[in-house]
Amino acid sequence: MQKIKIGGMIQYPELSLFRLYLASGQSYSSAALLHALGNANINVQVIIQGTGENDRDLFAFCIDHDDHDKTIQAIESLQFDHNCNLLGIEANVASLGVYGPDFRLHAGLAGEILKTLAGAAIHILAISTSLSTFTVILPAKQLTIAVTAIEELFELP
């Protein structure tokens, strides 16, 4: 099989993954969360938002591990006004993004990436995409194995 050309990979190894619920369907709660994190000078590396139980907004996001305590404080500041409920924190995670100049034009790449990572026994904690990048969140201890698997699938510049 011919390798698929990509633009490269982006890796961030020392992250923490936060999962929480916010008040349902109220965009001001999402804005409040991101505003509180920004005011605390916390950079969100990856964010995923959807609807969870009881139509509450489910958030999963990664921050630098060093911002762990500040992030908890920012979340706690939202608990009363935005019905914020912290579901869990997973430390020692990493993000691995695969990008390419025309990534969005190639059907099936996400499936190929996940199939390759599953074949390497990588535990995927979250998935995020953009027009040009497919990103997975995984245990940091598996990052090197995941990178090797992706290098076998794709042709890097």
Protein backbone atom coordinates (compact mmCIF):
# COMPACT_ATOMS: atom_id res chain seq x y z
CA MET A 1 0.00 0.00 0.00
CA GLN A 2 1.27 3.45 -0.92
CA LYS A 3 1.70 5.83 2.00
CA ILE A 4 -0.59 8.85 2.12
CA LYS A 5 1.21 12.22 2.15
CA ILE A 6 0.52 14.47 5.12
CA GLY A 7 1.86 17.81 6.27
CA GLY A 8 3.09 16.50 9.62
CA MET A 9 2.19 15.75 13.22
CA ILE A 10 1.72 17.94 16.27
CA GLN A 11 2.40 16.46 19.72
CA TYR A 12 1.74 17.83 23.20
CA PRO A 13 2.80 15.29 25.85
CA GLU A 14 2.14 16.85 29.26
CA LEU A 15 -1.59 17.55 29.39
CA SER A 16 -4.54 16.97 31.68
CA LEU A 17 -8.00 16.11 30.33
CA PHE A 18 -11.00 17.65 32.10
CA ARG A 19 -14.58 16.50 31.57
CA LEU A 20 -17.54 18.50 32.87
CA TYR A 21 -21.21 19.34 32.41
CA LEU A 22 -22.53 22.88 32.11
CA ALA A 23 -26.08 24.25 32.10
CA SER A 24 -27.91 22.96 29.04
CA GLY A 25 -28.20 24.83 25.77
CA GLN A 26 -26.95 28.09 27.18
CA SER A 27 -24.06 29.43 25.14
CA TYR A 28 -23.27 31.93 27.89
CA SER A 29 -22.12 28.98 30.04
CA SER A 30 -19.65 27.92 27.34
CA ALA A 31 -18.48 31.49 27.03
CA ALA A 32 -18.18 31.77 30.82
CA LEU A 33 -16.00 28.64 30.96
CA LEU A 34 -13.63 29.80 28.23
CA HIS A 35 -13.59 33.33 29.67
CA ALA A 36 -12.72 32.03 33.16
CA LEU A 37 -9.91 29.89 31.75
CA GLY A 38 -8.61 32.82 29.69
CA ASN A 39 -8.71 35.16 32.68
CA ALA A 40 -6.61 32.61 34.59
CA ASN A 41 -4.12 32.63 31.68
CA ILE A 42 -4.89 29.00 30.86
CA ASN A 43 -4.46 27.95 27.24
CA VAL A 44 -6.92 25.28 26.11
CA GLN A 45 -5.06 22.88 23.81
CA VAL A 46 -8.09 20.86 22.65
CA ILE A 47 -11.79 21.38 23.33
CA ILE A 48 -14.74 19.17 22.52
CA GLN A 49 -18.33 20.16 23.27
CA GLY A 50 -21.56 18.24 22.81
CA THR A 51 -24.82 17.46 24.52
CA GLY A 52 -24.82 14.87 27.29
CA GLU A 53 -27.30 13.51 29.83
CA ASN A 54 -30.44 15.59 30.44
CA ASP A 55 -29.46 17.83 27.51
CA ARG A 56 -26.63 19.37 29.52
CA ASP A 57 -23.58 20.59 27.63
CA LEU A 58 -20.71 18.13 27.93
CA PHE A 59 -17.20 19.55 27.68
CA ALA A 60 -13.89 17.77 27.40
CA PHE A 61 -10.77 19.88 27.16
CA CYS A 62 -7.03 19.58 27.63
CA ILE A 63 -4.74 22.03 29.35
CA ASP A 64 -1.05 21.99 30.18
CA HIS A 65 -0.51 19.83 33.25
CA ASP A 66 1.10 22.78 35.09
CA ASP A 67 -2.25 24.66 34.90
CA HIS A 68 -4.14 21.89 36.73
CA ASP A 69 -4.83 23.75 39.99
CA LYS A 70 -5.73 27.04 38.27
CA THR A 71 -8.17 25.14 36.05
CA ILE A 72 -9.93 23.60 39.04
CA GLN A 73 -10.29 27.05 40.58
CA ALA A 74 -11.72 28.47 37.34
CA ILE A 75 -14.24 25.61 37.12
CA GLU A 76 -15.24 26.02 40.76
CA SER A 77 -16.00 29.70 40.10
CA LEU A 78 -18.71 28.56 37.63
CA GLN A 79 -20.45 25.95 39.77
CA PHE A 80 -23.26 28.09 41.13
CA ASP A 81 -24.13 30.41 38.21
CA HIS A 82 -23.63 27.88 35.42
CA ASN A 83 -24.57 24.58 37.06
CA CYS A 84 -21.03 23.35 36.41
CA ASN A 85 -20.36 19.75 37.40
CA LEU A 86 -16.82 18.38 37.12
CA LEU A 87 -17.06 14.75 35.96
CA GLY A 88 -13.40 13.85 36.06
CA ILE A 89 -9.80 14.75 35.42
CA GLU A 90 -7.29 12.53 33.70
CA ALA A 91 -3.67 13.57 34.14
CA ASN A 92 -0.73 12.39 32.06
CA VAL A 93 -2.43 12.53 28.69
CA ALA A 94 -1.09 13.70 25.34
CA SER A 95 -2.52 15.02 22.13
CA LEU A 96 -1.38 13.82 18.74
CA GLY A 97 -2.58 15.73 15.69
CA VAL A 98 -2.11 14.62 12.09
CA TYR A 99 -2.40 17.45 9.57
CA GLY A 100 -2.10 17.98 5.88
CA PRO A 101 -2.62 20.75 3.37
CA ASP A 102 -5.68 19.06 1.85
CA PHE A 103 -6.58 16.77 4.74
CA ARG A 104 -10.28 17.59 4.46
CA LEU A 105 -10.35 16.44 0.82
CA HIS A 106 -9.37 12.81 1.51
CA ALA A 107 -12.31 10.66 2.61
CA GLY A 108 -11.58 7.92 5.10
CA LEU A 109 -8.41 9.26 6.68
CA ALA A 110 -9.93 9.43 10.16
CA GLY A 111 -10.90 5.78 9.90
CA GLU A 112 -7.42 4.84 8.71
CA ILE A 113 -5.82 6.72 11.59
CA LEU A 114 -8.08 5.10 14.18
CA LYS A 115 -7.62 1.64 12.64
CA THR A 116 -3.84 2.10 12.76
CA LEU A 117 -3.90 3.29 16.37
CA ALA A 118 -6.23 0.45 17.38
CA GLY A 119 -3.79 -1.99 15.76
CA ALA A 120 -1.08 -0.56 18.00
CA ALA A 121 -3.36 -0.97 21.07
CA ILE A 122 -3.58 2.80 21.65
CA HIS A 123 -6.35 3.81 24.07
CA ILE A 124 -8.16 6.82 22.57
CA LEU A 125 -9.67 9.11 25.22
CA ALA A 126 -11.08 11.79 22.89
CA ILE A 127 -11.10 12.84 19.24
CA SER A 128 -11.15 16.36 17.82
CA THR A 129 -11.04 17.49 14.21
CA SER A 130 -10.70 20.65 12.18
CA LEU A 131 -10.60 21.25 8.44
CA SER A 132 -6.94 20.32 8.32
CA THR A 133 -6.17 18.30 11.46
CA PHE A 134 -7.31 15.08 13.09
CA THR A 135 -6.34 14.99 16.77
CA VAL A 136 -6.57 12.22 19.33
CA ILE A 137 -6.10 12.41 23.08
CA LEU A 138 -4.33 9.35 24.50
CA PRO A 139 -2.37 8.30 27.57
CA ALA A 140 1.00 10.09 27.46
CA LYS A 141 2.84 6.79 28.00
CA GLN A 142 1.50 5.61 24.60
CA LEU A 143 2.53 8.69 22.60
CA THR A 144 5.76 7.24 21.18
CA ILE A 145 3.98 4.05 20.08
CA ALA A 146 1.22 6.12 18.44
CA VAL A 147 3.72 8.32 16.58
CA THR A 148 5.54 5.24 15.26
CA ALA A 149 2.26 3.72 14.07
CA ILE A 150 1.27 6.94 12.26
CA GLU A 151 4.72 7.19 10.64
CA GLU A 152 4.19 3.73 9.18
CA LEU A 153 0.84 4.77 7.69
CA PHE A 154 1.70 8.22 6.33
CA GLU A 155 4.47 9.82 4.33
CA LEU A 156 5.82 12.79 6.25
CA PRO A 157 7.62 15.73 4.64
